[in-house]
Amino acid sequence: MKQEIKVFDDEALLVWHLANEFKQASKAAKKKDYVLNIVLSGGKTPKIFFQKLTEEHTRKDIQWSHLRLFWGDERLVAPDHPDSNYGMTYKTLLSKVSIPQSHIHRIMGESHSEQELKRYAEEIIKYVPADNTKLPIFDWIFLGIGTDGHTASIFPKQRLDTPYKGICALAHHPKSGQKRITLTMDVLSNAKRISFLVTGKSKARVIAAILNATARSKYYPAAQVKPASGALEWYLDRPAASVFFGKLSY
């Protein structure tokens, strides 16, 4: 596993750098006549990242027709619900860029949970190449992390319900009980490139535990994302890296 830790002075610099990498990845895909299969995340930092992508000097250079978008998890709510990851992405990004509608593969949170679990997995199977174990290989997965160490909708000490073909599963928020659909850990770890986007001091201790591989980190689902052959990247602002800061090299 190749792991890289990138620390930026603030959130604005982090998303500026990431937006530039996103742009370059889309251009490389166009050059190869390839469509990148990308998994998006919900949350505050992705929202700011999406807003950065819509700025004119960035938006016009991104090769949107060479991107295919999926989601790592979704709450079982309608797309216009304030909790919808897709809804947030549509408002901040999709409604402002020229990506083909056929390249947008959302989780339909308004549907019956088990029916949608199957439909979404089958849609992934249809569009995303798989390895010899039939697990999809996404080109780039964006992830966040909670203060409890969860990522996507994989929470500590919680078994996922009724996984479908090992691709996605039903999950429940440990406090609210809210139902969600999430990609499985096996799928997350099977990607070619995985980027954690983490900002804010509230995440500093869990980040330090994971990056230092402490005994406690084994309880954090985010620490279990370990690509066998892909790249694992941590995009951190200084507050998020503050507890781990002494271990960083520049």
C-alpha atoms as a PDB file:
ATOM      1  CA  MET A   1       0.000   0.000   0.000  1.00  0.00           C
ATOM      2  CA  LYS A   2       1.289   3.421  -0.965  1.00  0.00           C
ATOM      3  CA  GLN A   3       0.231   6.049   1.592  1.00  0.00           C
ATOM      4  CA  GLU A   4       0.756   9.799   1.311  1.00  0.00           C
ATOM      5  CA  ILE A   5      -0.068  12.492   3.861  1.00  0.00           C
ATOM      6  CA  LYS A   6      -0.656  16.000   2.540  1.00  0.00           C
ATOM      7  CA  VAL A   7      -1.069  18.876   4.985  1.00  0.00           C
ATOM      8  CA  PHE A   8      -2.265  22.356   4.008  1.00  0.00           C
ATOM      9  CA  ASP A   9      -2.364  25.587   5.981  1.00  0.00           C
ATOM     10  CA  ASP A  10      -6.115  25.823   5.687  1.00  0.00           C
ATOM     11  CA  GLU A  11      -9.193  24.344   4.061  1.00  0.00           C
ATOM     12  CA  ALA A  12      -9.083  26.781   1.145  1.00  0.00           C
ATOM     13  CA  LEU A  13      -5.592  25.680   0.097  1.00  0.00           C
ATOM     14  CA  LEU A  14      -6.569  22.031   0.497  1.00  0.00           C
ATOM     15  CA  VAL A  15      -9.516  22.248  -1.877  1.00  0.00           C
ATOM     16  CA  TRP A  16      -7.569  24.415  -4.341  1.00  0.00           C
ATOM     17  CA  HIS A  17      -4.871  21.755  -4.592  1.00  0.00           C
ATOM     18  CA  LEU A  18      -7.401  18.928  -4.831  1.00  0.00           C
ATOM     19  CA  ALA A  19      -9.415  20.731  -7.514  1.00  0.00           C
ATOM     20  CA  ASN A  20      -6.271  21.059  -9.602  1.00  0.00           C
ATOM     21  CA  GLU A  21      -5.572  17.328  -9.261  1.00  0.00           C
ATOM     22  CA  PHE A  22      -9.171  16.583 -10.193  1.00  0.00           C
ATOM     23  CA  LYS A  23      -8.818  18.715 -13.301  1.00  0.00           C
ATOM     24  CA  GLN A  24      -5.579  17.004 -14.311  1.00  0.00           C
ATOM     25  CA  ALA A  25      -7.090  13.548 -13.776  1.00  0.00           C
ATOM     26  CA  SER A  26      -9.985  14.412 -16.079  1.00  0.00           C
ATOM     27  CA  LYS A  27      -7.596  15.662 -18.760  1.00  0.00           C
ATOM     28  CA  ALA A  28      -5.541  12.475 -18.522  1.00  0.00           C
ATOM     29  CA  ALA A  29      -8.736  10.442 -18.916  1.00  0.00           C
ATOM     30  CA  LYS A  30      -9.671  12.393 -22.039  1.00  0.00           C
ATOM     31  CA  LYS A  31      -6.224  11.847 -23.508  1.00  0.00           C
ATOM     32  CA  LYS A  32      -6.646   8.084 -23.010  1.00  0.00           C
ATOM     33  CA  ASP A  33     -10.272   8.186 -24.202  1.00  0.00           C
ATOM     34  CA  TYR A  34     -11.270   6.745 -20.830  1.00  0.00           C
ATOM     35  CA  VAL A  35     -14.076   7.478 -18.371  1.00  0.00           C
ATOM     36  CA  LEU A  36     -13.004   7.743 -14.722  1.00  0.00           C
ATOM     37  CA  ASN A  37     -15.304   5.993 -12.246  1.00  0.00           C
ATOM     38  CA  ILE A  38     -15.362   8.245  -9.197  1.00  0.00           C
ATOM     39  CA  VAL A  39     -17.062   7.824  -5.816  1.00  0.00           C
ATOM     40  CA  LEU A  40     -18.094  11.017  -4.034  1.00  0.00           C
ATOM     41  CA  SER A  41     -18.637  11.675  -0.350  1.00  0.00           C
ATOM     42  CA  GLY A  42     -21.002  13.889   1.592  1.00  0.00           C
ATOM     43  CA  GLY A  43     -19.957  16.297   4.325  1.00  0.00           C
ATOM     44  CA  LYS A  44     -18.691  19.820   4.922  1.00  0.00           C
ATOM     45  CA  THR A  45     -15.272  19.552   3.270  1.00  0.00           C
ATOM     46  CA  PRO A  46     -16.566  17.838   0.095  1.00  0.00           C
ATOM     47  CA  LYS A  47     -19.165  20.602  -0.162  1.00  0.00           C
ATOM     48  CA  ILE A  48     -16.419  23.241  -0.212  1.00  0.00           C
ATOM     49  CA  PHE A  49     -14.465  21.112  -2.686  1.00  0.00           C
ATOM     50  CA  PHE A  50     -17.492  20.881  -4.994  1.00  0.00           C
ATOM     51  CA  GLN A  51     -17.966  24.644  -4.816  1.00  0.00           C
ATOM     52  CA  LYS A  52     -14.338  25.072  -5.850  1.00  0.00           C
ATOM     53  CA  LEU A  53     -14.898  22.830  -8.867  1.00  0.00           C
ATOM     54  CA  THR A  54     -17.666  25.121 -10.103  1.00  0.00           C
ATOM     55  CA  GLU A  55     -15.494  28.238 -10.239  1.00  0.00           C
ATOM     56  CA  GLU A  56     -15.212  29.297 -13.862  1.00  0.00           C
ATOM     57  CA  HIS A  57     -11.445  28.904 -14.306  1.00  0.00           C
ATOM     58  CA  THR A  58     -11.671  25.349 -12.906  1.00  0.00           C
ATOM     59  CA  ARG A  59     -15.042  24.254 -14.283  1.00  0.00           C
ATOM     60  CA  LYS A  60     -14.232  25.016 -17.913  1.00  0.00           C
ATOM     61  CA  ASP A  61     -11.012  22.960 -17.817  1.00  0.00           C
ATOM     62  CA  ILE A  62     -12.514  19.811 -16.314  1.00  0.00           C
ATOM     63  CA  GLN A  63     -13.413  17.174 -18.885  1.00  0.00           C
ATOM     64  CA  TRP A  64     -16.825  16.343 -17.433  1.00  0.00           C
ATOM     65  CA  SER A  65     -17.780  13.882 -20.168  1.00  0.00           C
ATOM     66  CA  HIS A  66     -14.870  11.683 -19.056  1.00  0.00           C
ATOM     67  CA  LEU A  67     -16.134  11.357 -15.480  1.00  0.00           C
ATOM     68  CA  ARG A  68     -18.730   8.926 -14.133  1.00  0.00           C
ATOM     69  CA  LEU A  69     -19.978   9.673 -10.624  1.00  0.00           C
ATOM     70  CA  PHE A  70     -21.168   7.353  -7.863  1.00  0.00           C
ATOM     71  CA  TRP A  71     -21.709   7.835  -4.125  1.00  0.00           C
ATOM     72  CA  GLY A  72     -20.064   5.991  -1.242  1.00  0.00           C
ATOM     73  CA  ASP A  73     -23.136   6.139   0.944  1.00  0.00           C
ATOM     74  CA  GLU A  74     -26.549   7.726   1.203  1.00  0.00           C
ATOM     75  CA  ARG A  75     -29.195   8.236   3.830  1.00  0.00           C
ATOM     76  CA  LEU A  76     -32.547   6.704   2.917  1.00  0.00           C
ATOM     77  CA  VAL A  77     -34.228  10.031   2.269  1.00  0.00           C
ATOM     78  CA  ALA A  78     -35.543  11.809  -0.818  1.00  0.00           C
ATOM     79  CA  PRO A  79     -32.998  13.722  -2.931  1.00  0.00           C
ATOM     80  CA  ASP A  80     -34.484  17.072  -1.869  1.00  0.00           C
ATOM     81  CA  HIS A  81     -34.123  16.222   1.834  1.00  0.00           C
ATOM     82  CA  PRO A  82     -31.478  18.286   3.694  1.00  0.00           C
ATOM     83  CA  ASP A  83     -29.695  15.068   4.751  1.00  0.00           C
ATOM     84  CA  SER A  84     -29.273  13.755   1.198  1.00  0.00           C
ATOM     85  CA  ASN A  85     -25.659  13.483   0.040  1.00  0.00           C
ATOM     86  CA  TYR A  86     -26.819  13.528  -3.567  1.00  0.00           C
ATOM     87  CA  GLY A  87     -29.003  16.570  -2.891  1.00  0.00           C
ATOM     88  CA  MET A  88     -26.037  18.487  -1.514  1.00  0.00           C
ATOM     89  CA  THR A  89     -23.902  17.492  -4.489  1.00  0.00           C
ATOM     90  CA  TYR A  90     -26.611  18.488  -6.957  1.00  0.00           C
ATOM     91  CA  LYS A  91     -27.049  21.941  -5.416  1.00  0.00           C
ATOM     92  CA  THR A  92     -23.352  22.734  -5.096  1.00  0.00           C
ATOM     93  CA  LEU A  93     -21.920  20.961  -8.157  1.00  0.00           C
ATOM     94  CA  LEU A  94     -24.077  18.997 -10.583  1.00  0.00           C
ATOM     95  CA  SER A  95     -26.556  21.772 -11.310  1.00  0.00           C
ATOM     96  CA  LYS A  96     -23.667  24.030 -12.355  1.00  0.00           C
ATOM     97  CA  VAL A  97     -21.547  21.822 -14.618  1.00  0.00           C
ATOM     98  CA  SER A  98     -21.978  20.050 -17.952  1.00  0.00           C
ATOM     99  CA  ILE A  99     -21.712  16.427 -16.950  1.00  0.00           C
ATOM    100  CA  PRO A 100     -23.866  13.975 -18.946  1.00  0.00           C
ATOM    101  CA  GLN A 101     -26.924  12.905 -16.976  1.00  0.00           C
ATOM    102  CA  SER A 102     -26.171   9.300 -17.928  1.00  0.00           C
ATOM    103  CA  HIS A 103     -22.868   9.574 -16.014  1.00  0.00           C
ATOM    104  CA  ILE A 104     -24.579  10.326 -12.698  1.00  0.00           C
ATOM    105  CA  HIS A 105     -25.342   7.217 -10.639  1.00  0.00           C
ATOM    106  CA  ARG A 106     -26.966   8.226  -7.394  1.00  0.00           C
ATOM    107  CA  ILE A 107     -28.266   6.023  -4.629  1.00  0.00           C
ATOM    108  CA  MET A 108     -32.049   6.432  -4.677  1.00  0.00           C
ATOM    109  CA  GLY A 109     -32.647   7.067  -1.003  1.00  0.00           C
ATOM    110  CA  GLU A 110     -36.376   7.458  -1.524  1.00  0.00           C
ATOM    111  CA  SER A 111     -36.712   3.821  -2.685  1.00  0.00           C
ATOM    112  CA  HIS A 112     -37.356   0.695  -0.636  1.00  0.00           C
ATOM    113  CA  SER A 113     -34.057  -0.086   1.077  1.00  0.00           C
ATOM    114  CA  GLU A 114     -33.500  -3.684  -0.007  1.00  0.00           C
ATOM    115  CA  GLN A 115     -34.685  -3.044  -3.554  1.00  0.00           C
ATOM    116  CA  GLU A 116     -32.331  -0.085  -3.842  1.00  0.00           C
ATOM    117  CA  LEU A 117     -29.482  -2.063  -2.331  1.00  0.00           C
ATOM    118  CA  LYS A 118     -29.783  -4.550  -5.192  1.00  0.00           C
ATOM    119  CA  ARG A 119     -30.403  -1.930  -7.902  1.00  0.00           C
ATOM    120  CA  TYR A 120     -27.398   0.191  -6.924  1.00  0.00           C
ATOM    121  CA  ALA A 121     -25.054  -2.806  -6.738  1.00  0.00           C
ATOM    122  CA  GLU A 122     -26.217  -3.978 -10.164  1.00  0.00           C
ATOM    123  CA  GLU A 123     -25.652  -0.494 -11.602  1.00  0.00           C
ATOM    124  CA  ILE A 124     -22.103  -0.524 -10.272  1.00  0.00           C
ATOM    125  CA  ILE A 125     -21.560  -3.980 -11.778  1.00  0.00           C
ATOM    126  CA  LYS A 126     -22.811  -2.673 -15.127  1.00  0.00           C
ATOM    127  CA  TYR A 127     -20.449   0.293 -15.374  1.00  0.00           C
ATOM    128  CA  VAL A 128     -17.384  -0.377 -13.211  1.00  0.00           C
ATOM    129  CA  PRO A 129     -14.729  -2.946 -14.169  1.00  0.00           C
ATOM    130  CA  ALA A 130     -14.190  -5.718 -11.627  1.00  0.00           C
ATOM    131  CA  ASP A 131     -11.300  -7.885 -10.465  1.00  0.00           C
ATOM    132  CA  ASN A 132     -11.249 -11.685 -10.578  1.00  0.00           C
ATOM    133  CA  THR A 133     -13.297 -11.818  -7.346  1.00  0.00           C
ATOM    134  CA  LYS A 134     -16.007  -9.703  -9.038  1.00  0.00           C
ATOM    135  CA  LEU A 135     -15.379  -6.717  -6.770  1.00  0.00           C
ATOM    136  CA  PRO A 136     -15.568  -3.375  -8.628  1.00  0.00           C
ATOM    137  CA  ILE A 137     -12.381  -1.381  -9.071  1.00  0.00           C
ATOM    138  CA  PHE A 138     -13.188   2.330  -8.839  1.00  0.00           C
ATOM    139  CA  ASP A 139     -10.603   4.754 -10.170  1.00  0.00           C
ATOM    140  CA  TRP A 140     -10.919   7.295  -7.367  1.00  0.00           C
ATOM    141  CA  ILE A 141     -12.866   7.235  -4.104  1.00  0.00           C
ATOM    142  CA  PHE A 142     -13.285  10.299  -1.893  1.00  0.00           C
ATOM    143  CA  LEU A 143     -13.930   9.636   1.784  1.00  0.00           C
ATOM    144  CA  GLY A 144     -14.503  11.597   4.940  1.00  0.00           C
ATOM    145  CA  ILE A 145     -14.132  10.555   8.547  1.00  0.00           C
ATOM    146  CA  GLY A 146     -16.243  11.153  11.647  1.00  0.00           C
ATOM    147  CA  THR A 147     -15.000  11.951  15.138  1.00  0.00           C
ATOM    148  CA  ASP A 148     -15.886   8.335  15.986  1.00  0.00           C
ATOM    149  CA  GLY A 149     -13.673   7.073  13.157  1.00  0.00           C
ATOM    150  CA  HIS A 150     -16.491   6.057  10.828  1.00  0.00           C
ATOM    151  CA  THR A 151     -16.182   6.428   7.075  1.00  0.00           C
ATOM    152  CA  ALA A 152     -18.895   6.218   4.402  1.00  0.00           C
ATOM    153  CA  SER A 153     -21.656   4.706   6.582  1.00  0.00           C
ATOM    154  CA  ILE A 154     -19.470   2.079   8.205  1.00  0.00           C
ATOM    155  CA  PHE A 155     -19.607   2.736  11.946  1.00  0.00           C
ATOM    156  CA  PRO A 156     -17.516   1.309  14.814  1.00  0.00           C
ATOM    157  CA  LYS A 157     -18.644  -2.008  16.295  1.00  0.00           C
ATOM    158  CA  GLN A 158     -21.489  -2.344  13.818  1.00  0.00           C
ATOM    159  CA  ARG A 159     -22.113  -5.199  11.417  1.00  0.00           C
ATOM    160  CA  LEU A 160     -23.508  -4.237   8.036  1.00  0.00           C
ATOM    161  CA  ASP A 161     -26.894  -5.756   7.188  1.00  0.00           C
ATOM    162  CA  THR A 162     -27.630  -7.836   4.093  1.00  0.00           C
ATOM    163  CA  PRO A 163     -24.618  -6.969   1.952  1.00  0.00           C
ATOM    164  CA  TYR A 164     -25.457  -7.494  -1.732  1.00  0.00           C
ATOM    165  CA  LYS A 165     -22.743  -9.332  -3.675  1.00  0.00           C
ATOM    166  CA  GLY A 166     -20.174  -7.845  -1.298  1.00  0.00           C
ATOM    167  CA  ILE A 167     -20.621  -4.448  -2.962  1.00  0.00           C
ATOM    168  CA  CYS A 168     -23.016  -2.455  -0.828  1.00  0.00           C
ATOM    169  CA  ALA A 169     -24.996  -2.996   2.327  1.00  0.00           C
ATOM    170  CA  LEU A 170     -27.577  -1.535   4.668  1.00  0.00           C
ATOM    171  CA  ALA A 171     -26.288   0.388   7.658  1.00  0.00           C
ATOM    172  CA  HIS A 172     -27.868   2.168  10.620  1.00  0.00           C
ATOM    173  CA  HIS A 173     -26.629   5.291  12.344  1.00  0.00           C
ATOM    174  CA  PRO A 174     -25.693   4.116  15.854  1.00  0.00           C
ATOM    175  CA  LYS A 175     -27.515   6.969  17.632  1.00  0.00           C
ATOM    176  CA  SER A 176     -30.451   7.939  15.428  1.00  0.00           C
ATOM    177  CA  GLY A 177     -31.032   4.520  13.883  1.00  0.00           C
ATOM    178  CA  GLN A 178     -31.371   6.213  10.488  1.00  0.00           C
ATOM    179  CA  LYS A 179     -31.065   3.718   7.627  1.00  0.00           C
ATOM    180  CA  ARG A 180     -28.376   4.156   5.013  1.00  0.00           C
ATOM    181  CA  ILE A 181     -26.863   2.350   2.050  1.00  0.00           C
ATOM    182  CA  THR A 182     -23.078   2.185   1.963  1.00  0.00           C
ATOM    183  CA  LEU A 183     -20.322   0.658  -0.101  1.00  0.00           C
ATOM    184  CA  THR A 184     -18.575  -2.140   1.777  1.00  0.00           C
ATOM    185  CA  MET A 185     -15.057  -1.983   3.172  1.00  0.00           C
ATOM    186  CA  ASP A 186     -13.897  -4.490   0.548  1.00  0.00           C
ATOM    187  CA  VAL A 187     -15.034  -2.172  -2.237  1.00  0.00           C
ATOM    188  CA  LEU A 188     -13.507   0.916  -0.633  1.00  0.00           C
ATOM    189  CA  SER A 189     -10.155  -0.846  -0.276  1.00  0.00           C
ATOM    190  CA  ASN A 190     -10.263  -2.120  -3.858  1.00  0.00           C
ATOM    191  CA  ALA A 191      -9.991   1.306  -5.484  1.00  0.00           C
ATOM    192  CA  LYS A 192      -7.009   2.517  -7.481  1.00  0.00           C
ATOM    193  CA  ARG A 193      -6.910   5.779  -5.525  1.00  0.00           C
ATOM    194  CA  ILE A 194      -8.502   6.671  -2.183  1.00  0.00           C
ATOM    195  CA  SER A 195      -8.473  10.218  -0.821  1.00  0.00           C
ATOM    196  CA  PHE A 196      -9.569  11.079   2.703  1.00  0.00           C
ATOM    197  CA  LEU A 197     -10.569  14.743   3.031  1.00  0.00           C
ATOM    198  CA  VAL A 198     -10.313  15.799   6.675  1.00  0.00           C
ATOM    199  CA  THR A 199     -10.446  19.280   8.161  1.00  0.00           C
ATOM    200  CA  GLY A 200     -10.926  20.723  11.632  1.00  0.00           C
ATOM    201  CA  LYS A 201      -9.454  20.163  15.076  1.00  0.00           C
ATOM    202  CA  SER A 202     -12.350  17.891  16.119  1.00  0.00           C
ATOM    203  CA  LYS A 203     -10.857  15.155  13.899  1.00  0.00           C
ATOM    204  CA  ALA A 204      -7.250  15.596  15.124  1.00  0.00           C
ATOM    205  CA  ARG A 205      -7.146  12.824  17.717  1.00  0.00           C
ATOM    206  CA  VAL A 206      -8.738  10.173  15.536  1.00  0.00           C
ATOM    207  CA  ILE A 207      -6.406  11.132  12.657  1.00  0.00           C
ATOM    208  CA  ALA A 208      -3.358  10.835  14.934  1.00  0.00           C
ATOM    209  CA  ALA A 209      -4.518   7.431  16.197  1.00  0.00           C
ATOM    210  CA  ILE A 210      -4.992   6.109  12.660  1.00  0.00           C
ATOM    211  CA  LEU A 211      -1.792   7.507  11.172  1.00  0.00           C
ATOM    212  CA  ASN A 212       0.262   6.353  14.172  1.00  0.00           C
ATOM    213  CA  ALA A 213      -1.463   2.940  14.029  1.00  0.00           C
ATOM    214  CA  THR A 214      -2.167   2.999  17.774  1.00  0.00           C
ATOM    215  CA  ALA A 215      -3.981   0.163  19.528  1.00  0.00           C
ATOM    216  CA  ARG A 216      -7.158   2.235  19.551  1.00  0.00           C
ATOM    217  CA  SER A 217      -7.130   2.703  15.783  1.00  0.00           C
ATOM    218  CA  LYS A 218      -8.337  -0.867  15.252  1.00  0.00           C
ATOM    219  CA  TYR A 219     -11.782   0.287  16.450  1.00  0.00           C
ATOM    220  CA  TYR A 220     -11.997   2.943  13.724  1.00  0.00           C
ATOM    221  CA  PRO A 221     -13.473   1.805  10.386  1.00  0.00           C
ATOM    222  CA  ALA A 222     -11.481   4.487   8.555  1.00  0.00           C
ATOM    223  CA  ALA A 223      -8.287   2.761   9.698  1.00  0.00           C
ATOM    224  CA  GLN A 224      -9.421  -0.436   7.951  1.00  0.00           C
ATOM    225  CA  VAL A 225      -9.373   1.169   4.503  1.00  0.00           C
ATOM    226  CA  LYS A 226      -6.207  -0.436   3.209  1.00  0.00           C
ATOM    227  CA  PRO A 227      -5.857  -0.728  -0.560  1.00  0.00           C
ATOM    228  CA  ALA A 228      -3.994  -3.839  -1.643  1.00  0.00           C
ATOM    229  CA  SER A 229      -2.472  -2.159  -4.673  1.00  0.00           C
ATOM    230  CA  GLY A 230      -3.954   1.333  -4.867  1.00  0.00           C
ATOM    231  CA  ALA A 231      -2.836   4.652  -3.387  1.00  0.00           C
ATOM    232  CA  LEU A 232      -4.129   5.972  -0.059  1.00  0.00           C
ATOM    233  CA  GLU A 233      -3.986   9.746   0.422  1.00  0.00           C
ATOM    234  CA  TRP A 234      -4.767  11.939   3.409  1.00  0.00           C
ATOM    235  CA  TYR A 235      -5.651  15.550   2.623  1.00  0.00           C
ATOM    236  CA  LEU A 236      -5.504  17.371   5.972  1.00  0.00           C
ATOM    237  CA  ASP A 237      -5.591  20.973   7.074  1.00  0.00           C
ATOM    238  CA  ARG A 238      -3.311  21.969   9.955  1.00  0.00           C
ATOM    239  CA  PRO A 239      -5.996  21.720  12.657  1.00  0.00           C
ATOM    240  CA  ALA A 240      -6.820  18.142  11.591  1.00  0.00           C
ATOM    241  CA  ALA A 241      -3.102  17.275  11.567  1.00  0.00           C
ATOM    242  CA  SER A 242      -2.287  19.087  14.807  1.00  0.00           C
ATOM    243  CA  VAL A 243      -2.015  16.077  17.143  1.00  0.00           C
ATOM    244  CA  PHE A 244      -0.046  14.079  14.576  1.00  0.00           C
ATOM    245  CA  PHE A 245       1.996  17.099  13.556  1.00  0.00           C
ATOM    246  CA  GLY A 246       5.287  15.992  15.150  1.00  0.00           C
ATOM    247  CA  LYS A 247       5.339  12.892  12.985  1.00  0.00           C
ATOM    248  CA  LEU A 248       5.128  14.816   9.713  1.00  0.00           C
ATOM    249  CA  SER A 249       8.060  15.441   7.434  1.00  0.00           C
ATOM    250  CA  TYR A 250       8.241  18.256   4.892  1.00  0.00           C
END
